[in-house]
N, C-alpha and C. Protein backbone atom coordinates (compact mmCIF):
# COMPACT_ATOMS: atom_id res chain seq x y z
N MET A 1 107.41 120.01 114.26
CA MET A 1 107.27 118.71 114.81
C MET A 1 107.99 117.79 113.92
N THR A 2 108.65 116.80 114.66
CA THR A 2 109.41 115.78 113.84
C THR A 2 108.53 114.73 113.23
N THR A 3 108.62 114.41 112.01
CA THR A 3 107.81 113.35 111.40
C THR A 3 108.44 111.99 111.66
N GLY A 4 107.63 110.93 111.54
CA GLY A 4 108.14 109.62 111.66
C GLY A 4 109.26 109.25 110.81
N ALA A 5 109.31 109.82 109.50
CA ALA A 5 110.45 109.54 108.62
C ALA A 5 111.67 110.30 109.07
N GLU A 6 111.53 111.53 109.59
CA GLU A 6 112.66 112.25 110.15
C GLU A 6 113.35 111.57 111.31
N ALA A 7 112.46 111.01 112.21
CA ALA A 7 112.93 110.35 113.41
C ALA A 7 113.65 109.13 113.05
N ALA A 8 113.09 108.41 111.96
CA ALA A 8 113.79 107.12 111.51
C ALA A 8 115.15 107.46 111.01
N GLN A 9 115.29 108.53 110.24
CA GLN A 9 116.54 108.94 109.65
C GLN A 9 117.50 109.30 110.66
N ALA A 10 117.07 110.04 111.70
CA ALA A 10 117.95 110.43 112.84
C ALA A 10 118.37 109.24 113.69
N GLY A 11 117.40 108.34 113.82
CA GLY A 11 117.74 107.23 114.72
C GLY A 11 118.70 106.07 114.09
N GLY A 12 118.79 106.15 112.78
CA GLY A 12 119.57 105.15 112.13
C GLY A 12 119.12 103.71 112.24
N LEU A 13 117.91 103.46 112.36
CA LEU A 13 117.30 102.10 112.55
C LEU A 13 116.90 101.53 111.24
N GLU A 14 117.03 100.16 111.14
CA GLU A 14 116.67 99.40 109.95
C GLU A 14 115.76 98.22 110.35
N ALA A 15 115.04 97.66 109.45
CA ALA A 15 114.25 96.47 109.71
C ALA A 15 114.65 95.28 108.83
N ILE A 16 114.94 94.18 109.49
CA ILE A 16 115.21 92.90 108.79
C ILE A 16 114.07 91.95 108.87
N VAL A 17 113.49 91.43 107.80
CA VAL A 17 112.45 90.47 107.82
C VAL A 17 113.04 89.20 107.33
N LEU A 18 113.01 88.09 108.24
CA LEU A 18 113.57 86.85 107.95
C LEU A 18 112.44 86.04 107.23
N ALA A 19 112.67 85.73 105.99
CA ALA A 19 111.75 85.00 105.15
C ALA A 19 112.44 83.91 104.15
N ALA A 20 113.48 83.31 104.68
CA ALA A 20 114.25 82.29 103.92
C ALA A 20 113.96 80.90 104.07
N GLY A 21 113.01 80.57 105.08
CA GLY A 21 112.77 79.21 105.25
C GLY A 21 111.89 78.55 104.27
N SER A 22 111.96 77.19 104.33
CA SER A 22 111.12 76.47 103.37
C SER A 22 109.76 76.19 103.76
N GLY A 23 109.37 76.48 105.02
CA GLY A 23 108.01 76.13 105.51
C GLY A 23 107.61 74.82 105.40
N THR A 24 108.56 73.81 105.86
CA THR A 24 108.32 72.36 105.75
C THR A 24 107.04 71.97 106.41
N ARG A 25 106.94 72.45 107.77
CA ARG A 25 105.71 72.00 108.45
C ARG A 25 104.47 72.46 107.88
N PHE A 26 104.50 73.58 107.01
CA PHE A 26 103.32 74.09 106.45
C PHE A 26 103.01 73.33 105.19
N GLY A 27 104.06 72.72 104.63
CA GLY A 27 103.91 71.98 103.33
C GLY A 27 104.39 72.80 102.18
N GLY A 28 105.18 73.80 102.49
CA GLY A 28 105.75 74.65 101.41
C GLY A 28 104.89 75.87 101.13
N GLY A 29 105.46 76.90 100.53
CA GLY A 29 104.71 77.99 100.12
C GLY A 29 104.06 78.77 101.21
N LYS A 30 104.52 78.72 102.47
CA LYS A 30 103.80 79.34 103.58
C LYS A 30 103.74 80.84 103.43
N LEU A 31 104.85 81.55 103.19
CA LEU A 31 104.77 82.96 103.22
C LEU A 31 103.97 83.59 102.06
N THR A 32 103.76 82.85 101.07
CA THR A 32 103.03 83.44 99.92
C THR A 32 101.61 82.87 99.87
N THR A 33 101.15 82.14 100.96
CA THR A 33 99.87 81.58 100.99
C THR A 33 98.83 82.74 101.20
N PRO A 34 97.61 82.70 100.78
CA PRO A 34 96.72 83.77 100.78
C PRO A 34 96.42 84.15 102.29
N TRP A 35 96.29 85.45 102.57
CA TRP A 35 96.19 85.89 103.95
C TRP A 35 95.45 87.31 103.86
N ARG A 36 94.09 87.27 104.15
CA ARG A 36 93.42 88.60 104.28
C ARG A 36 93.52 89.46 103.03
N GLY A 37 93.40 88.93 101.95
CA GLY A 37 93.40 89.68 100.68
C GLY A 37 94.76 89.92 100.11
N GLY A 38 95.86 89.33 100.66
CA GLY A 38 97.23 89.42 100.22
C GLY A 38 97.88 88.08 100.49
N ALA A 39 99.22 88.21 100.83
CA ALA A 39 100.01 87.08 101.19
C ALA A 39 100.20 87.08 102.67
N LEU A 40 100.57 85.89 103.33
CA LEU A 40 100.81 85.90 104.78
C LEU A 40 102.02 86.78 105.07
N LEU A 41 103.03 86.83 104.24
CA LEU A 41 104.19 87.74 104.40
C LEU A 41 103.82 89.26 104.54
N ASP A 42 102.59 89.63 104.04
CA ASP A 42 102.28 91.03 104.07
C ASP A 42 102.17 91.58 105.48
N GLY A 43 101.78 90.73 106.36
CA GLY A 43 101.55 91.19 107.80
C GLY A 43 102.83 91.64 108.33
N ALA A 44 103.92 90.80 108.16
CA ALA A 44 105.27 91.20 108.75
C ALA A 44 105.85 92.43 108.08
N LEU A 45 105.68 92.46 106.68
CA LEU A 45 106.10 93.56 105.94
C LEU A 45 105.47 94.90 106.34
N GLU A 46 104.10 94.76 106.66
CA GLU A 46 103.36 96.06 107.06
C GLU A 46 103.91 96.46 108.36
N ALA A 47 104.23 95.64 109.30
CA ALA A 47 104.80 96.06 110.64
C ALA A 47 106.22 96.59 110.37
N ALA A 48 106.87 96.00 109.56
CA ALA A 48 108.33 96.58 109.38
C ALA A 48 108.32 97.90 108.74
N PHE A 49 107.44 98.09 107.77
CA PHE A 49 107.32 99.43 107.12
C PHE A 49 106.76 100.49 108.03
N ALA A 50 105.99 100.08 108.90
CA ALA A 50 105.35 101.01 109.83
C ALA A 50 106.26 101.35 111.04
N ALA A 51 107.31 100.61 111.17
CA ALA A 51 108.26 100.91 112.26
C ALA A 51 109.11 102.11 111.91
N PRO A 52 109.76 102.75 113.01
CA PRO A 52 110.55 103.93 112.75
C PRO A 52 111.88 103.59 112.16
N VAL A 53 112.01 103.04 110.92
CA VAL A 53 113.08 102.67 110.21
C VAL A 53 113.31 103.31 108.95
N ARG A 54 114.63 103.30 108.41
CA ARG A 54 114.94 103.90 107.12
C ARG A 54 114.44 103.06 105.95
N SER A 55 114.80 101.80 106.13
CA SER A 55 114.52 100.80 105.12
C SER A 55 114.24 99.50 105.70
N VAL A 56 113.66 98.53 104.84
CA VAL A 56 113.28 97.21 105.15
C VAL A 56 114.16 96.18 104.35
N TRP A 57 114.84 95.36 104.98
CA TRP A 57 115.63 94.33 104.28
C TRP A 57 115.03 93.01 104.49
N LEU A 58 114.59 92.50 103.39
CA LEU A 58 113.92 91.13 103.29
C LEU A 58 114.97 90.12 102.95
N VAL A 59 115.14 89.06 103.76
CA VAL A 59 116.04 88.03 103.55
C VAL A 59 115.18 86.79 102.97
N THR A 60 115.55 86.34 101.79
CA THR A 60 114.91 85.40 101.04
C THR A 60 115.90 84.10 101.00
N GLY A 61 115.26 83.01 100.60
CA GLY A 61 116.19 81.77 100.54
C GLY A 61 115.44 80.74 99.73
N ALA A 62 114.64 79.90 100.41
CA ALA A 62 114.14 78.65 99.72
C ALA A 62 113.05 78.82 98.77
N ASP A 63 112.13 79.85 99.00
CA ASP A 63 110.97 80.11 98.10
C ASP A 63 111.19 81.27 97.19
N PRO A 64 111.35 81.14 95.94
CA PRO A 64 111.59 82.27 94.97
C PRO A 64 110.30 83.18 94.89
N GLY A 65 109.13 82.67 95.23
CA GLY A 65 107.99 83.57 95.21
C GLY A 65 107.97 84.59 96.32
N VAL A 66 108.79 84.52 97.40
CA VAL A 66 108.74 85.44 98.43
C VAL A 66 109.13 86.82 97.92
N ALA A 67 110.17 86.90 97.14
CA ALA A 67 110.63 88.18 96.68
C ALA A 67 109.63 88.92 95.82
N TRP A 68 108.88 88.13 94.98
CA TRP A 68 107.77 88.63 94.22
C TRP A 68 106.70 89.20 95.05
N ALA A 69 106.32 88.44 96.04
CA ALA A 69 105.23 88.76 96.94
C ALA A 69 105.70 90.08 97.69
N ALA A 70 106.87 90.29 98.10
CA ALA A 70 107.31 91.40 98.81
C ALA A 70 107.27 92.69 97.85
N ARG A 71 107.78 92.45 96.71
CA ARG A 71 107.81 93.65 95.80
C ARG A 71 106.30 94.02 95.41
N ASN A 72 105.48 93.06 95.32
CA ASN A 72 104.02 93.38 95.03
C ASN A 72 103.42 94.19 96.17
N PHE A 73 103.72 93.74 97.40
CA PHE A 73 103.22 94.50 98.56
C PHE A 73 103.76 95.87 98.59
N ALA A 74 105.01 96.11 98.45
CA ALA A 74 105.63 97.33 98.49
C ALA A 74 105.15 98.29 97.49
N THR A 75 104.98 97.76 96.24
CA THR A 75 104.52 98.60 95.15
C THR A 75 103.10 99.09 95.49
N ARG A 76 102.25 98.17 95.96
CA ARG A 76 100.90 98.60 96.24
C ARG A 76 100.82 99.70 97.31
N ARG A 77 101.76 99.55 98.31
CA ARG A 77 101.80 100.55 99.46
C ARG A 77 102.62 101.69 99.17
N GLY A 78 103.26 101.77 98.05
CA GLY A 78 104.08 102.94 97.71
C GLY A 78 105.31 103.03 98.47
N THR A 79 105.88 101.89 98.97
CA THR A 79 107.17 101.76 99.73
C THR A 79 108.23 101.03 99.01
N ILE A 80 108.08 100.81 97.76
CA ILE A 80 109.03 100.03 97.01
C ILE A 80 110.52 100.53 97.11
N LEU A 81 110.63 101.89 97.21
CA LEU A 81 112.00 102.49 97.20
C LEU A 81 112.66 102.17 98.65
N ARG A 82 111.96 101.82 99.61
CA ARG A 82 112.53 101.48 100.88
C ARG A 82 112.65 99.92 101.11
N LEU A 83 112.38 99.16 100.10
CA LEU A 83 112.57 97.67 100.13
C LEU A 83 113.93 97.26 99.53
N ASN A 84 114.63 96.49 100.36
CA ASN A 84 115.77 95.89 99.81
C ASN A 84 115.67 94.34 100.02
N ILE A 85 116.09 93.53 99.02
CA ILE A 85 115.92 92.17 99.04
C ILE A 85 117.31 91.49 99.03
N VAL A 86 117.59 90.58 100.04
CA VAL A 86 118.90 90.00 100.24
C VAL A 86 118.64 88.43 100.11
N HIS A 87 119.38 87.85 99.28
CA HIS A 87 119.19 86.42 99.18
C HIS A 87 120.28 85.70 100.01
N ALA A 88 119.84 84.85 100.96
CA ALA A 88 120.75 84.10 101.76
C ALA A 88 121.07 82.80 101.07
N ARG A 89 122.28 82.74 100.44
CA ARG A 89 122.66 81.58 99.68
C ARG A 89 122.73 80.30 100.56
N ASP A 90 123.12 80.50 101.83
CA ASP A 90 123.29 79.40 102.75
C ASP A 90 122.14 79.19 103.77
N HIS A 91 120.96 79.61 103.28
CA HIS A 91 119.85 79.60 104.09
C HIS A 91 119.59 78.22 104.72
N ALA A 92 119.94 77.11 104.10
CA ALA A 92 119.72 75.85 104.45
C ALA A 92 120.55 75.50 105.84
N LEU A 93 121.46 76.34 106.20
CA LEU A 93 122.22 76.08 107.36
C LEU A 93 121.46 76.49 108.53
N GLY A 94 120.40 77.17 108.38
CA GLY A 94 119.55 77.52 109.51
C GLY A 94 119.30 79.08 109.79
N LEU A 95 118.52 79.36 110.77
CA LEU A 95 118.26 80.79 111.03
C LEU A 95 119.22 81.74 111.15
N SER A 96 120.46 81.23 111.69
CA SER A 96 121.54 82.22 111.94
C SER A 96 122.08 82.69 110.61
N ALA A 97 122.12 81.78 109.57
CA ALA A 97 122.65 82.18 108.23
C ALA A 97 121.75 83.27 107.70
N SER A 98 120.40 83.21 107.90
CA SER A 98 119.56 84.26 107.29
C SER A 98 119.82 85.48 108.05
N LEU A 99 119.91 85.46 109.32
CA LEU A 99 120.24 86.72 110.16
C LEU A 99 121.52 87.33 109.67
N LYS A 100 122.50 86.52 109.57
CA LYS A 100 123.79 87.06 109.14
C LYS A 100 123.71 87.78 107.79
N ALA A 101 122.98 87.17 106.77
CA ALA A 101 122.85 87.78 105.48
C ALA A 101 122.10 89.12 105.68
N GLY A 102 121.20 89.26 106.48
CA GLY A 102 120.53 90.49 106.75
C GLY A 102 121.34 91.51 107.31
N LEU A 103 122.13 91.17 108.47
CA LEU A 103 122.98 92.01 109.24
C LEU A 103 124.10 92.70 108.35
N THR A 104 124.73 91.71 107.58
CA THR A 104 125.92 92.19 106.73
C THR A 104 125.46 93.11 105.49
N ALA A 105 124.25 93.09 105.30
CA ALA A 105 123.78 93.97 104.12
C ALA A 105 123.48 95.34 104.62
N LEU A 106 123.27 95.59 105.95
CA LEU A 106 122.90 96.93 106.48
C LEU A 106 124.01 97.96 106.19
N PRO A 107 123.52 99.25 106.11
CA PRO A 107 124.48 100.28 106.00
C PRO A 107 125.47 100.30 107.15
N VAL A 108 126.56 100.92 106.94
CA VAL A 108 127.67 100.97 108.00
C VAL A 108 127.22 101.87 109.20
N ASP A 109 126.30 102.82 108.83
CA ASP A 109 125.95 103.74 110.00
C ASP A 109 124.70 103.26 110.69
N THR A 110 124.32 102.07 110.42
CA THR A 110 123.09 101.51 111.21
C THR A 110 123.32 101.50 112.70
N ALA A 111 122.40 102.16 113.44
CA ALA A 111 122.42 102.10 114.84
C ALA A 111 121.73 101.07 115.56
N GLY A 112 120.78 100.38 114.81
CA GLY A 112 120.04 99.25 115.44
C GLY A 112 119.22 98.66 114.41
N ALA A 113 118.79 97.42 114.68
CA ALA A 113 117.93 96.77 113.65
C ALA A 113 116.84 95.92 114.25
N PHE A 114 115.64 96.11 113.83
CA PHE A 114 114.50 95.31 114.16
C PHE A 114 114.70 93.95 113.34
N VAL A 115 114.47 92.84 114.06
CA VAL A 115 114.41 91.55 113.35
C VAL A 115 112.99 90.97 113.61
N LEU A 116 112.37 90.83 112.48
CA LEU A 116 111.00 90.27 112.38
C LEU A 116 111.01 89.07 111.63
N LEU A 117 110.05 88.13 111.98
CA LEU A 117 109.89 86.89 111.27
C LEU A 117 108.72 86.97 110.38
N GLY A 118 108.88 86.38 109.17
CA GLY A 118 107.99 86.59 108.06
C GLY A 118 106.66 85.87 108.28
N ASP A 119 106.59 84.89 109.27
CA ASP A 119 105.39 84.17 109.55
C ASP A 119 104.57 84.66 110.70
N MET A 120 104.90 86.00 111.12
CA MET A 120 104.26 86.54 112.23
C MET A 120 103.47 87.80 111.74
N PRO A 121 102.25 87.66 111.35
CA PRO A 121 101.45 88.71 110.61
C PRO A 121 100.71 89.65 111.55
N LEU A 122 100.66 89.47 112.89
CA LEU A 122 99.79 90.26 113.70
C LEU A 122 100.50 91.13 114.73
N ILE A 123 101.68 91.52 114.36
CA ILE A 123 102.47 92.54 115.31
C ILE A 123 101.73 93.72 115.46
N PRO A 124 101.34 94.21 116.74
CA PRO A 124 100.72 95.43 117.01
C PRO A 124 101.58 96.52 116.44
N ARG A 125 100.98 97.53 115.82
CA ARG A 125 101.70 98.60 115.05
C ARG A 125 102.34 99.58 116.16
N ASP A 126 101.94 99.57 117.31
CA ASP A 126 102.55 100.49 118.27
C ASP A 126 103.81 100.01 118.91
N ILE A 127 103.98 98.74 118.84
CA ILE A 127 105.04 98.00 119.55
C ILE A 127 106.48 98.52 119.00
N PRO A 128 106.75 98.55 117.74
CA PRO A 128 108.10 99.04 117.27
C PRO A 128 108.47 100.37 117.78
N PHE A 129 107.58 101.32 117.83
CA PHE A 129 107.79 102.67 118.30
C PHE A 129 108.23 102.63 119.75
N ARG A 130 107.59 101.87 120.59
CA ARG A 130 107.82 101.77 121.96
C ARG A 130 109.15 101.11 122.25
N MET A 131 109.54 100.16 121.39
CA MET A 131 110.81 99.49 121.53
C MET A 131 111.91 100.40 121.08
N ALA A 132 111.73 101.24 120.09
CA ALA A 132 112.73 102.18 119.72
C ALA A 132 113.06 103.17 120.84
N LEU A 133 112.01 103.56 121.56
CA LEU A 133 112.20 104.59 122.67
C LEU A 133 113.02 103.87 123.73
N ALA A 134 112.90 102.67 123.97
CA ALA A 134 113.63 101.88 124.92
C ALA A 134 115.14 101.78 124.54
N LEU A 135 115.31 101.64 123.32
CA LEU A 135 116.74 101.52 122.88
C LEU A 135 117.41 102.95 122.90
N ALA A 136 116.69 103.98 122.88
CA ALA A 136 117.20 105.26 123.01
C ALA A 136 117.71 105.55 124.38
N GLY A 137 117.35 104.75 125.39
CA GLY A 137 117.83 104.82 126.69
C GLY A 137 119.09 104.02 126.91
N GLU A 138 119.11 103.26 127.94
CA GLU A 138 120.25 102.48 128.40
C GLU A 138 120.24 101.02 127.76
N ALA A 139 119.14 100.67 127.24
CA ALA A 139 119.03 99.30 126.76
C ALA A 139 119.86 99.03 125.45
N LEU A 140 120.31 97.68 125.43
CA LEU A 140 121.05 97.28 124.19
C LEU A 140 120.12 96.59 123.24
N ALA A 141 119.00 96.08 123.80
CA ALA A 141 117.95 95.44 122.95
C ALA A 141 116.56 95.64 123.60
N SER A 142 115.49 95.49 122.86
CA SER A 142 114.20 95.48 123.46
C SER A 142 113.34 94.47 122.72
N ALA A 143 112.34 93.96 123.43
CA ALA A 143 111.46 93.05 122.93
C ALA A 143 110.14 93.08 123.57
N PRO A 144 108.95 92.76 122.95
CA PRO A 144 107.69 92.72 123.61
C PRO A 144 107.49 91.59 124.37
N VAL A 145 106.50 91.70 125.39
CA VAL A 145 106.19 90.47 126.16
C VAL A 145 104.64 90.60 126.35
N PHE A 146 103.93 89.36 126.30
CA PHE A 146 102.58 89.26 126.40
C PHE A 146 102.37 88.03 127.43
N ASP A 147 101.58 88.24 128.45
CA ASP A 147 101.22 87.13 129.28
C ASP A 147 102.54 86.44 129.84
N GLY A 148 103.52 87.25 130.07
CA GLY A 148 104.75 86.72 130.70
C GLY A 148 105.77 86.03 129.70
N ARG A 149 105.31 86.01 128.42
CA ARG A 149 106.20 85.39 127.41
C ARG A 149 106.71 86.43 126.53
N ARG A 150 108.16 86.28 126.19
CA ARG A 150 108.74 87.24 125.30
C ARG A 150 108.37 86.97 123.91
N GLY A 151 108.04 87.91 123.13
CA GLY A 151 107.69 87.67 121.66
C GLY A 151 108.67 88.35 120.72
N HIS A 152 107.96 88.75 119.55
CA HIS A 152 108.70 89.37 118.39
C HIS A 152 107.89 90.57 118.01
N PRO A 153 108.56 91.48 117.29
CA PRO A 153 110.06 91.47 116.96
C PRO A 153 110.94 91.76 118.08
N VAL A 154 112.34 91.70 117.75
CA VAL A 154 113.32 92.11 118.65
C VAL A 154 114.12 93.24 117.99
N LEU A 155 114.43 94.32 118.76
CA LEU A 155 115.27 95.39 118.29
C LEU A 155 116.66 95.28 118.90
N PHE A 156 117.69 95.19 118.12
CA PHE A 156 119.04 95.01 118.62
C PHE A 156 119.80 96.25 118.35
N SER A 157 120.63 96.72 119.25
CA SER A 157 121.64 97.82 119.09
C SER A 157 122.70 97.31 118.22
N ALA A 158 123.38 98.14 117.36
CA ALA A 158 124.57 97.74 116.62
C ALA A 158 125.57 97.08 117.39
N ALA A 159 125.58 97.46 118.70
CA ALA A 159 126.65 96.97 119.73
C ALA A 159 126.57 95.44 119.77
N LEU A 160 125.45 94.94 119.40
CA LEU A 160 125.24 93.50 119.55
C LEU A 160 125.40 92.71 118.22
N PHE A 161 125.66 93.40 117.15
CA PHE A 161 125.74 92.77 115.86
C PHE A 161 126.76 91.72 115.81
N GLY A 162 127.90 91.97 116.52
CA GLY A 162 129.07 91.01 116.49
C GLY A 162 128.68 89.76 117.10
N ASP A 163 127.92 89.84 118.25
CA ASP A 163 127.51 88.56 118.98
C ASP A 163 126.42 87.87 118.02
N LEU A 164 125.62 88.55 117.38
CA LEU A 164 124.65 87.92 116.52
C LEU A 164 125.41 87.14 115.29
N LEU A 165 126.40 87.78 114.78
CA LEU A 165 127.15 87.29 113.61
C LEU A 165 127.91 86.03 114.10
N ASP A 166 128.06 85.84 115.45
CA ASP A 166 128.79 84.60 115.83
C ASP A 166 127.83 83.43 116.00
N LEU A 167 126.59 83.60 115.90
CA LEU A 167 125.61 82.47 116.03
C LEU A 167 125.82 81.46 114.89
N GLU A 168 125.43 80.29 115.18
CA GLU A 168 125.66 79.16 114.17
C GLU A 168 124.37 78.37 114.04
N GLY A 169 124.23 77.68 112.85
CA GLY A 169 123.07 76.78 112.73
C GLY A 169 121.73 77.34 112.86
N ASP A 170 120.78 76.66 113.45
CA ASP A 170 119.44 77.15 113.65
C ASP A 170 119.30 77.88 114.96
N GLU A 171 120.39 78.36 115.49
CA GLU A 171 120.42 79.02 116.76
C GLU A 171 119.86 80.32 116.69
N GLY A 172 118.90 80.70 117.53
CA GLY A 172 118.36 82.13 117.54
C GLY A 172 119.25 82.88 118.45
N ALA A 173 118.60 84.05 118.88
CA ALA A 173 119.38 85.09 119.74
C ALA A 173 119.08 84.96 121.13
N ARG A 174 118.36 83.80 121.52
CA ARG A 174 117.92 83.73 122.94
C ARG A 174 119.08 83.94 123.88
N ASP A 175 120.29 83.23 123.68
CA ASP A 175 121.29 83.40 124.60
C ASP A 175 121.89 84.73 124.59
N VAL A 176 121.90 85.43 123.48
CA VAL A 176 122.32 86.86 123.48
C VAL A 176 121.44 87.73 124.36
N LEU A 177 120.20 87.53 124.18
CA LEU A 177 119.27 88.43 124.90
C LEU A 177 119.24 88.06 126.41
N GLU A 178 119.34 86.81 126.77
CA GLU A 178 119.36 86.41 128.23
C GLU A 178 120.60 86.81 128.92
N GLY A 179 121.61 87.08 128.21
CA GLY A 179 122.85 87.58 128.71
C GLY A 179 122.90 89.09 129.03
N LEU A 180 121.91 89.79 128.65
CA LEU A 180 121.89 91.23 128.74
C LEU A 180 121.34 91.74 130.15
N GLY A 181 120.64 90.83 130.77
CA GLY A 181 119.97 91.24 132.14
C GLY A 181 119.25 92.46 131.99
N GLU A 182 119.50 93.61 132.75
CA GLU A 182 118.59 94.74 132.73
C GLU A 182 118.75 95.52 131.48
N ARG A 183 119.72 95.23 130.78
CA ARG A 183 119.93 96.03 129.44
C ARG A 183 119.08 95.47 128.27
N LEU A 184 118.13 94.48 128.61
CA LEU A 184 117.17 94.13 127.64
C LEU A 184 115.84 94.70 128.20
N ALA A 185 115.27 95.64 127.46
CA ALA A 185 114.03 96.20 127.79
C ALA A 185 112.85 95.38 127.30
N LEU A 186 111.93 95.02 128.24
CA LEU A 186 110.78 94.24 127.90
C LEU A 186 109.55 95.20 127.90
N ILE A 187 108.82 95.21 126.77
CA ILE A 187 107.72 96.14 126.47
C ILE A 187 106.49 95.37 126.53
N GLU A 188 105.60 95.71 127.52
CA GLU A 188 104.37 95.05 127.56
C GLU A 188 103.40 95.27 126.42
N ALA A 189 103.00 94.21 125.73
CA ALA A 189 102.06 94.25 124.60
C ALA A 189 100.69 94.17 124.96
N ALA A 190 99.77 94.84 124.20
CA ALA A 190 98.35 94.78 124.64
C ALA A 190 97.66 93.50 124.14
N ASP A 191 98.21 92.72 123.24
CA ASP A 191 97.61 91.52 122.64
C ASP A 191 98.58 90.49 122.33
N ALA A 192 98.12 89.35 121.87
CA ALA A 192 98.97 88.23 121.68
C ALA A 192 99.56 88.14 120.26
N GLY A 193 99.42 89.28 119.54
CA GLY A 193 100.09 89.24 118.12
C GLY A 193 101.56 89.11 118.18
N VAL A 194 102.24 89.48 119.26
CA VAL A 194 103.64 89.41 119.42
C VAL A 194 104.13 87.99 119.57
N LEU A 195 103.16 86.99 119.87
CA LEU A 195 103.41 85.69 120.02
C LEU A 195 102.97 84.73 118.87
N TYR A 196 101.96 85.30 118.11
CA TYR A 196 101.24 84.52 117.01
C TYR A 196 102.12 84.32 115.88
N ASP A 197 102.45 83.02 115.52
CA ASP A 197 103.05 82.74 114.31
C ASP A 197 102.38 81.66 113.60
N VAL A 198 102.69 81.39 112.37
CA VAL A 198 102.07 80.44 111.53
C VAL A 198 103.04 79.21 111.19
N ASP A 199 102.74 78.05 111.61
CA ASP A 199 103.68 76.90 111.39
C ASP A 199 102.98 75.94 110.50
N ALA A 200 101.77 75.68 110.74
CA ALA A 200 100.97 74.78 109.93
C ALA A 200 99.60 75.56 109.41
N PRO A 201 98.99 74.91 108.32
CA PRO A 201 97.79 75.57 107.78
C PRO A 201 96.76 75.87 108.74
N ALA A 202 96.59 74.98 109.80
CA ALA A 202 95.59 75.19 110.78
C ALA A 202 95.82 76.45 111.62
N ASP A 203 97.04 76.90 111.61
CA ASP A 203 97.34 78.14 112.46
C ASP A 203 96.69 79.38 111.79
N LEU A 204 96.43 79.33 110.48
CA LEU A 204 95.77 80.42 109.87
C LEU A 204 94.38 80.70 110.41
N GLU A 205 93.79 79.84 111.00
CA GLU A 205 92.42 79.96 111.48
C GLU A 205 92.32 80.38 112.92
N ARG A 206 93.57 80.51 113.57
CA ARG A 206 93.56 81.02 114.93
C ARG A 206 92.98 82.49 115.02
N PRO A 207 92.32 82.78 116.04
CA PRO A 207 91.85 84.21 116.14
C PRO A 207 92.93 85.12 116.54
N GLU A 208 92.75 86.39 116.39
CA GLU A 208 93.71 87.41 116.75
C GLU A 208 93.99 87.51 118.26
């Protein structure tokens, strides 16, 4: 029987966790704020490491404490050897700069990459595996949906990396995804964790 680690190696998938923002609406220090016995960032990292990927690439920027929090989490979980930290020097230019930093750091044989947001701590653990299965078919990307709304993470085939590298400013990948038509696989999620993100301190009190 093939193990999860063997499947990840064969699939050539990687995970990028975007964690370079300043968290202005939160008041700063968002990703390192306490969350269920750890830091808020831990939730996204746990989902990334649980996915069928070879390595996790954390993109840092405004908050120097993010890298420390990630190393602390990975050390506790025994996954430190699979953690790579990339600093986006131009993170102030927007989300696209952080995404580019992560993509350009990936190994040349990468077949696809999950893109997770560091402020989304409740991603269901089964979702990345189902997304990977969709990408193994005809899809060029896959994403979860809940209650008719597309959520995160998103899994991109390497065939789309060039389009993602062309993004500018705080532009996300919405236009890239919407242009795929039927080659975007939408995976039904069982709960709203694929939509839940933390923007302000009050969001920490929202139920799962």
